[in-house]
């Protein structure tokens, strides 16, 4: 008899299919390319092992703390931050950055922002909240006349009262709060991804079926599998049943372009035996549950493989464009000499046009003056602290924050580009998540320089080239 294939291959086979055959898309919220398919399903029998993936280490502490955060109905990141879990930090900080750009709050790095959340309860209450997300909707679904519904408690009571019930559903998908269906004052700032699960009891075993409308296969899905498998164990224990199957169904499942090389590394590895998870017998109802009640046994995975989190969400701006910079630099970080570019590389000009065409470009006054005219096929924004007469269709603003706010309103294709000069690059680097660099070999006596970009360590793309007397390398780098 043929030995049964390890159930982790369900995940690996889908990962490989997306790497090899995924349909290319561009996320309009982030400008990042993904490779996607529609529809897919995994099934894991929890009686034979716990599906914590073994082909890379999954951060178990984060899984358990986040699930407790959900089950306790919390929606402020302070609890997670206080417990060393930072997987949600980027979302409230993204909202804070919008306020920085609008001049409503003082500038602050993400690290300083998170430290302030941790140390200042009033500040955390004001800036650390992510309303209308999973925990709040599971435990306090808004109903008419100010009433709330505890969906988790309801399904547990129903499972005990009528184990054969077909209506054991917990949902996070409320059209009243989502996208263009919502009134602006009610709109959620975070798009619900794993949006509904249904429970079922058969022969004393609890099964949980999750529907996930949007799934990041490399970073998100391993976490989601572990989280909802653990949730199945909790539901089984508090209803006096045994765990059955966790079934995971996908709508749009995708891999981000900047995860493909990491995924290929994972696909070289063979699965190991799944671990076991036990919940303390003291947990008799869902509100008894605490992270310390969970024990993970015999987890011996392959080493972790890191990947950058792509932060989506942000309803009010409809799209939240990526902010990028594009520049050609020599080995001394030089970008200009006497107001001009000290080299001429047709391939670099083609690269610049391909990347920026159809997008908003932001530049300083001197850069605009040196160009002599607006760049065609692009929305031109010029930052100038002195009066500047510009052709019709060119937007002149007096601050970087105003430029970013305007660009976010005007950008239709998901990415804004800073194109120079040196002072603007230096001021805008903190808002930037991606660099498009043409790195020249040699130095050219420049008097204007690109800022230090040491935090951009993730190499997404690299291609070397040569033109006449110039050697160069096109590089795309992302902040880590």
Foldseek 3Di string as FASTA:
>chain_A
DDDDADLCVLLLVVLVCQLVPFCWDADQQERFIWGKDFKGKGKDWQVQFAPLFFLAHDDVVLLLQVLLCQQVLAFFCQSVLLVVHCPCLVQLVVVVVLCVLVVNDPDDASVRLSVCLNPPVVSSVVRRGQPLARSNQCQFNADPPRGGHNLVVVLLVCCLVPLADFPSKRFSDDLCADAPSHDVVRHGQDDYFQTMKGWHADPQEIEIETEGAEEASPRGPSSVSNNVSVVQCLSSLLSVGHYGMYMYMYGMYIHTLLCSVVSVSSSVDDTDGHWHKDFANVRNDSVVDDSVRIDIGDRDHDYHGDDDDRDGGGRPLVHNAAEEEEAEAEPVQFGAAPLHGQDDDVVSVVVVCVVAAQAEEEEEPSVCVSVVADDPNYQAEYADCDDDDHDPRYHYDPDSSVVSVVRSNVGRRRYYYYYDDQVCQVVCVSRHFKYWYKYKYDDDPHPGGHDDDVQFDRWSDWDWDDDDPITTMTTMTGGD
